[in-house]
Amino acid sequence: MSKSNLRIIFMGTPDFAVDTLKTLIENNYNIVGVITSPDKPAGRGKKIQQSAVKKFALEKKLNILQPTNLKNLEFIEQLQSLNADLQIIVAFRMLPEIVWNMPKLGSINLHASLLPQYRGSAPINWVIINGEAETGVSTFFLKHKIDSGDIIFQQKIIIEETDNFETLHDKLMNVGAELILKTLKAVENEQFPKVEQLELIKNSNELKTAPKIFKQDCKINWNNELKEIHNFIRGLSPYPAAWTEIKSTENKKFSLKIFKTLKISEIHSFEPGKILSDNKNHIKIAVKDGFISIEQLQLQGKKRLNIKDFLRGFNIENYSII
């Protein structure tokens, strides 16, 4: 089946999905429909925001559907009328069987991990938090259970010491777009592997998951080890952001987001969570096997700053971590 005849529906919402959609269009694939999340209010002003995928699809004058309910009869009929051969899903929500089982060639999902490891909604965060040395992307056919379908292709990448969520996200976004292209070509030629994840699970010592991360999960535990805290901060930077709470001698309390840190391995006698600063150039937080040196942070209600700019307007000596 040639590219011009292969009818594809694309489903996705955030920036991570845009690169794949862009790659498909640049390679002349026929995108007959784009399914993305409904517009919703966001930010302090609660202005109506369009998804990144919708903004791009509008630029390319693509057919856009934004269902609030994926089982809605009207939406199902619209989907059927597109007569798609294949669906490509990148960073979208869980699909009901009536949707993923509709195209004759199936529905292919791109997942930002080396499945079956790190199934779930936050694989990029969790591989860094857990201190992994490598990760990757996987393409697979959708089945009933989330992220459990037969794997088509995988591509590994190294996680650098300097990577955070943002940089690793962008690397995987680019590699993922190319892997979808490779997958599509293989499906067109009817020559592609289908590896059951159950077989891979049998050969795995431990199956790690990537559950959704909530704000309360992002609070830093200063009693953890140096490397663990450093990985936790970079795995959540810049979003949703690791945070701690500080209190002044006058009992004023503030939330403090931390985006970038350095590890200092050193023996000392300070209690974990003790703030040390010259009030000009550095802030160090004591942990049991060293110090976390903060390079970028954001005080509650203020903008993100590097440490020197922050200390010009804030006297950290009067504060302690709660």
Protein backbone atom coordinates (compact mmCIF):
# COMPACT_ATOMS: atom_id res chain seq x y z
CA MET A 1 0.00 0.00 0.00
CA SER A 2 1.57 3.33 -1.04
CA LYS A 3 1.84 6.38 1.19
CA SER A 4 -0.75 8.24 -0.85
CA ASN A 5 -3.33 5.51 -0.21
CA LEU A 6 -2.61 4.74 3.43
CA ARG A 7 -5.23 6.62 5.44
CA ILE A 8 -3.92 7.54 8.90
CA ILE A 9 -5.60 9.00 11.98
CA PHE A 10 -3.19 10.68 14.40
CA MET A 11 -3.97 11.00 18.12
CA GLY A 12 -1.94 13.15 20.50
CA THR A 13 -2.02 16.23 22.70
CA PRO A 14 1.29 17.69 24.05
CA ASP A 15 4.50 18.94 22.41
CA PHE A 16 5.93 15.43 22.56
CA ALA A 17 3.40 14.34 19.91
CA VAL A 18 3.89 17.29 17.54
CA ASP A 19 7.30 16.16 16.26
CA THR A 20 5.85 12.83 15.13
CA LEU A 21 2.91 14.46 13.36
CA LYS A 22 5.29 16.92 11.68
CA THR A 23 7.51 14.04 10.51
CA LEU A 24 4.54 12.16 9.04
CA ILE A 25 3.42 15.22 7.08
CA GLU A 26 6.96 15.92 5.84
CA ASN A 27 7.10 12.35 4.54
CA ASN A 28 3.83 12.78 2.63
CA TYR A 29 1.65 10.48 4.70
CA ASN A 30 -2.09 11.03 4.34
CA ILE A 31 -3.38 12.24 7.72
CA VAL A 32 -7.17 12.05 7.37
CA GLY A 33 -7.88 13.13 10.95
CA VAL A 34 -6.20 14.47 14.08
CA ILE A 35 -7.74 13.60 17.44
CA THR A 36 -6.64 15.76 20.37
CA SER A 37 -7.90 16.95 23.75
CA PRO A 38 -10.63 19.59 24.03
CA ASP A 39 -9.60 23.20 24.59
CA LYS A 40 -9.51 24.07 28.28
CA PRO A 41 -8.76 27.01 30.60
CA ALA A 42 -5.19 27.18 31.88
CA GLY A 43 -2.88 29.50 33.79
CA ARG A 44 -3.72 32.24 36.25
CA GLY A 45 -6.05 34.03 33.84
CA LYS A 46 -7.84 30.78 32.99
CA LYS A 47 -7.65 31.63 29.30
CA ILE A 48 -8.82 28.93 26.92
CA GLN A 49 -5.78 27.03 25.65
CA GLN A 50 -5.46 24.76 22.63
CA SER A 51 -3.26 21.67 22.77
CA ALA A 52 0.13 21.79 21.05
CA VAL A 53 -1.11 19.19 18.56
CA LYS A 54 -4.20 21.25 17.72
CA LYS A 55 -2.14 24.40 17.11
CA PHE A 56 0.11 22.51 14.69
CA ALA A 57 -2.81 20.75 12.99
CA LEU A 58 -4.53 24.11 12.45
CA GLU A 59 -1.38 25.46 10.77
CA LYS A 60 -1.41 22.48 8.41
CA LYS A 61 -5.18 22.73 7.84
CA LEU A 62 -5.77 19.17 9.02
CA ASN A 63 -9.15 17.72 9.99
CA ILE A 64 -9.41 18.01 13.80
CA LEU A 65 -11.70 16.20 16.25
CA GLN A 66 -11.77 17.02 19.98
CA PRO A 67 -14.05 14.53 21.74
CA THR A 68 -14.77 14.89 25.44
CA ASN A 69 -15.97 11.29 25.56
CA LEU A 70 -14.19 8.70 23.41
CA LYS A 71 -17.21 6.37 23.61
CA ASN A 72 -19.66 9.01 22.40
CA LEU A 73 -21.73 7.63 19.51
CA GLU A 74 -21.37 10.77 17.40
CA PHE A 75 -17.57 10.67 17.76
CA ILE A 76 -17.44 6.95 16.90
CA GLU A 77 -19.47 7.62 13.76
CA GLN A 78 -17.14 10.49 12.80
CA LEU A 79 -14.16 8.21 13.32
CA GLN A 80 -15.69 5.44 11.21
CA SER A 81 -16.48 7.91 8.42
CA LEU A 82 -12.75 8.69 8.09
CA ASN A 83 -12.22 5.08 6.97
CA ALA A 84 -8.68 4.94 8.37
CA ASP A 85 -6.32 2.05 7.65
CA LEU A 86 -4.17 2.79 10.70
CA GLN A 87 -4.10 4.93 13.84
CA ILE A 88 -0.93 6.44 15.33
CA ILE A 89 -1.15 7.36 19.01
CA VAL A 90 1.46 9.52 20.76
CA ALA A 91 0.92 10.89 24.28
CA PHE A 92 -2.86 10.62 24.27
CA ARG A 93 -5.30 9.20 26.76
CA MET A 94 -6.39 5.59 27.15
CA LEU A 95 -8.60 4.43 24.26
CA PRO A 96 -11.67 2.19 24.46
CA GLU A 97 -11.54 -0.98 22.37
CA ILE A 98 -14.16 0.30 19.93
CA VAL A 99 -11.64 3.02 18.99
CA TRP A 100 -8.27 1.23 18.99
CA ASN A 101 -9.68 -1.86 17.29
CA MET A 102 -11.36 0.10 14.44
CA PRO A 103 -8.66 0.35 11.71
CA LYS A 104 -7.93 -2.78 9.68
CA LEU A 105 -4.16 -2.45 10.18
CA GLY A 106 -4.51 -1.70 13.89
CA SER A 107 -3.47 1.13 16.20
CA ILE A 108 0.20 1.82 16.90
CA ASN A 109 1.35 3.60 20.05
CA LEU A 110 4.67 5.35 20.70
CA HIS A 111 5.80 5.03 24.32
CA ALA A 112 8.77 6.85 25.85
CA SER A 113 10.45 3.86 27.49
CA LEU A 114 11.90 0.47 26.66
CA LEU A 115 8.79 -1.60 27.29
CA PRO A 116 7.83 -3.56 29.31
CA GLN A 117 9.85 -1.34 31.65
CA TYR A 118 8.23 1.90 32.79
CA ARG A 119 4.67 1.37 31.68
CA GLY A 120 2.53 4.33 32.70
CA SER A 121 2.06 8.03 32.12
CA ALA A 122 5.40 9.45 33.38
CA PRO A 123 8.24 7.24 32.04
CA ILE A 124 10.64 10.10 31.29
CA ASN A 125 10.45 11.44 34.86
CA TRP A 126 10.83 8.04 36.48
CA VAL A 127 13.88 6.80 34.55
CA ILE A 128 15.83 9.85 35.78
CA ILE A 129 14.43 9.70 39.32
CA ASN A 130 15.49 6.04 39.51
CA GLY A 131 18.98 6.82 38.22
CA GLU A 132 18.79 4.73 35.04
CA ALA A 133 21.75 4.85 32.64
CA GLU A 134 19.65 4.32 29.51
CA THR A 135 16.10 4.50 28.24
CA GLY A 136 14.45 4.71 24.83
CA VAL A 137 11.22 4.57 22.87
CA SER A 138 8.98 1.70 21.80
CA THR A 139 6.33 1.27 19.13
CA PHE A 140 3.67 -1.35 19.76
CA PHE A 141 0.17 -2.44 18.77
CA LEU A 142 -2.51 -1.44 21.24
CA LYS A 143 -4.27 -4.10 23.28
CA HIS A 144 -6.72 -4.09 26.20
CA LYS A 145 -4.21 -3.50 29.01
CA ILE A 146 -2.35 -0.19 28.90
CA ASP A 147 1.17 -0.29 27.38
CA SER A 148 1.04 -4.09 27.07
CA GLY A 149 0.70 -4.74 23.32
CA ASP A 150 3.15 -6.54 21.05
CA ILE A 151 6.32 -4.52 20.48
CA ILE A 152 7.28 -3.63 16.92
CA PHE A 153 10.52 -1.65 17.31
CA GLN A 154 12.60 -0.08 20.08
CA GLN A 155 15.41 2.46 20.06
CA LYS A 156 17.75 2.96 23.02
CA ILE A 157 19.45 6.19 24.09
CA ILE A 158 21.94 6.98 26.87
CA ILE A 159 20.82 9.15 29.79
CA GLU A 160 23.57 11.70 30.43
CA GLU A 161 24.47 12.94 33.92
CA THR A 162 23.46 16.41 32.76
CA ASP A 163 20.03 15.36 31.49
CA ASN A 164 16.88 16.48 33.23
CA PHE A 165 13.26 15.80 32.31
CA GLU A 166 13.25 18.61 29.73
CA THR A 167 16.38 17.56 27.83
CA LEU A 168 15.55 13.86 27.89
CA HIS A 169 11.98 14.62 26.77
CA ASP A 170 13.29 16.43 23.68
CA LYS A 171 15.74 13.66 22.81
CA LEU A 172 13.07 10.99 23.06
CA MET A 173 10.61 13.16 21.13
CA ASN A 174 13.02 13.32 18.18
CA VAL A 175 14.02 9.64 18.31
CA GLY A 176 10.36 8.66 18.68
CA ALA A 177 9.34 10.51 15.53
CA GLU A 178 11.96 8.61 13.53
CA LEU A 179 10.91 5.31 15.10
CA ILE A 180 7.29 5.89 14.07
CA LEU A 181 8.51 6.52 10.51
CA LYS A 182 10.50 3.28 10.56
CA THR A 183 7.47 1.45 11.97
CA LEU A 184 5.13 2.82 9.31
CA LYS A 185 7.44 1.76 6.49
CA ALA A 186 7.64 -1.75 7.96
CA VAL A 187 3.86 -1.98 8.30
CA GLU A 188 3.41 -0.79 4.72
CA ASN A 189 5.77 -3.50 3.51
CA GLU A 190 4.10 -6.07 5.79
CA GLN A 191 7.49 -6.97 7.22
CA PHE A 192 7.70 -6.18 10.91
CA PRO A 193 8.36 -8.03 14.17
CA LYS A 194 5.73 -8.53 16.88
CA VAL A 195 7.37 -9.32 20.21
CA GLU A 196 5.08 -10.33 23.04
CA GLN A 197 5.83 -8.35 26.20
CA LEU A 198 5.10 -11.41 28.32
CA GLU A 199 8.24 -13.00 26.90
CA LEU A 200 10.31 -9.96 27.85
CA ILE A 201 8.80 -9.88 31.33
CA LYS A 202 9.92 -13.47 31.91
CA ASN A 203 13.53 -12.40 31.31
CA SER A 204 13.33 -9.31 33.50
CA ASN A 205 14.52 -9.33 37.12
CA GLU A 206 12.30 -6.41 38.14
CA LEU A 207 9.45 -4.68 36.33
CA LYS A 208 9.48 -0.93 37.03
CA THR A 209 6.44 1.27 36.48
CA ALA A 210 5.89 4.96 35.71
CA PRO A 211 2.71 6.11 37.48
CA LYS A 212 1.35 9.63 37.16
CA ILE A 213 3.14 12.14 39.40
CA PHE A 214 1.14 14.48 41.61
CA LYS A 215 2.28 17.63 43.44
CA GLN A 216 2.50 15.87 46.80
CA ASP A 217 4.84 13.31 45.25
CA CYS A 218 7.32 16.07 44.33
CA LYS A 219 8.26 17.19 47.85
CA ILE A 220 11.95 16.57 48.54
CA ASN A 221 12.88 14.22 51.38
CA TRP A 222 16.15 15.63 52.68
CA ASN A 223 16.80 12.44 54.66
CA ASN A 224 17.48 10.56 51.43
CA GLU A 225 20.98 10.07 50.04
CA LEU A 226 22.76 12.73 47.96
CA LYS A 227 22.50 10.95 44.59
CA GLU A 228 18.86 10.04 45.16
CA ILE A 229 17.87 13.66 45.93
CA HIS A 230 19.86 15.02 42.96
CA ASN A 231 18.19 12.54 40.58
CA PHE A 232 14.79 13.35 42.07
CA ILE A 233 15.24 17.06 41.37
CA ARG A 234 16.49 16.66 37.79
CA GLY A 235 13.85 14.04 37.03
CA LEU A 236 11.15 16.59 37.87
CA SER A 237 12.79 19.62 36.24
CA PRO A 238 11.26 21.80 34.97
CA TYR A 239 7.91 20.06 35.32
CA PRO A 240 6.22 19.30 37.62
CA ALA A 241 9.21 20.52 39.70
CA ALA A 242 10.63 19.23 42.97
CA TRP A 243 9.87 21.45 45.93
CA THR A 244 10.55 22.01 49.57
CA GLU A 245 9.03 24.23 52.25
CA ILE A 246 10.92 26.86 54.21
CA LYS A 247 10.01 28.81 57.35
CA SER A 248 11.45 32.07 58.66
CA THR A 249 12.35 32.90 62.25
CA GLU A 250 9.12 34.95 62.20
CA ASN A 251 7.18 31.82 61.16
CA LYS A 252 6.60 32.93 57.54
CA LYS A 253 6.27 29.89 55.29
CA PHE A 254 7.05 29.62 51.59
CA SER A 255 7.16 26.87 49.01
CA LEU A 256 10.43 26.71 47.08
CA LYS A 257 10.74 24.91 43.72
CA ILE A 258 14.22 23.64 42.87
CA PHE A 259 15.21 23.10 39.24
CA LYS A 260 18.98 22.61 39.05
CA THR A 261 21.51 21.32 41.55
CA LEU A 262 25.06 20.05 41.91
CA LYS A 263 26.14 17.13 44.10
CA ILE A 264 28.86 17.71 46.69
CA SER A 265 30.01 14.49 48.32
CA GLU A 266 31.47 15.39 51.69
CA ILE A 267 31.57 14.17 55.28
CA HIS A 268 30.06 16.69 57.71
CA SER A 269 28.18 16.95 61.00
CA PHE A 270 25.13 18.98 59.90
CA GLU A 271 21.59 17.66 60.22
CA PRO A 272 19.89 16.73 56.92
CA GLY A 273 17.98 19.75 55.61
CA LYS A 274 20.26 22.36 57.21
CA ILE A 275 20.54 25.44 54.95
CA LEU A 276 24.06 26.83 54.50
CA SER A 277 24.65 30.02 52.52
CA ASP A 278 27.03 32.98 52.18
CA ASN A 279 23.91 34.98 51.18
CA LYS A 280 25.69 36.07 47.98
CA ASN A 281 26.77 33.20 45.75
CA HIS A 282 25.55 29.86 47.02
CA ILE A 283 22.95 27.90 48.93
CA LYS A 284 23.81 24.39 50.07
CA ILE A 285 21.44 21.96 51.74
CA ALA A 286 23.02 19.36 53.99
CA VAL A 287 22.17 15.70 53.41
CA LYS A 288 23.61 12.70 55.20
CA ASP A 289 26.41 12.04 52.68
CA GLY A 290 27.14 15.55 51.40
CA PHE A 291 25.44 18.71 50.18
CA ILE A 292 22.96 19.65 47.48
CA SER A 293 24.15 22.92 45.94
CA ILE A 294 21.20 24.80 44.42
CA GLU A 295 21.77 26.55 41.08
CA GLN A 296 18.21 27.46 39.97
CA LEU A 297 15.08 27.85 42.06
CA GLN A 298 11.75 29.64 42.30
CA LEU A 299 10.18 31.15 45.40
CA GLN A 300 6.42 30.82 45.73
CA GLY A 301 4.72 33.56 43.70
CA LYS A 302 7.99 34.69 42.07
CA LYS A 303 9.83 33.87 38.85
CA ARG A 304 12.54 31.26 38.33
CA LEU A 305 16.03 32.60 39.10
CA ASN A 306 19.64 31.51 39.24
CA ILE A 307 21.08 31.44 42.73
CA LYS A 308 22.97 34.76 42.64
CA ASP A 309 19.93 36.73 41.43
CA PHE A 310 17.77 35.02 44.03
CA LEU A 311 20.10 35.93 46.89
CA ARG A 312 20.18 39.59 45.85
CA GLY A 313 16.55 39.90 46.95
CA PHE A 314 16.11 37.21 49.59
CA ASN A 315 17.88 36.67 52.91
CA ILE A 316 17.95 32.88 53.21
CA GLU A 317 19.85 33.03 56.53
CA ASN A 318 16.56 33.72 58.31
CA TYR A 319 14.97 30.51 56.98
CA SER A 320 15.03 26.81 57.71
CA ILE A 321 13.52 23.83 55.91
CA ILE A 322 10.34 22.44 57.41
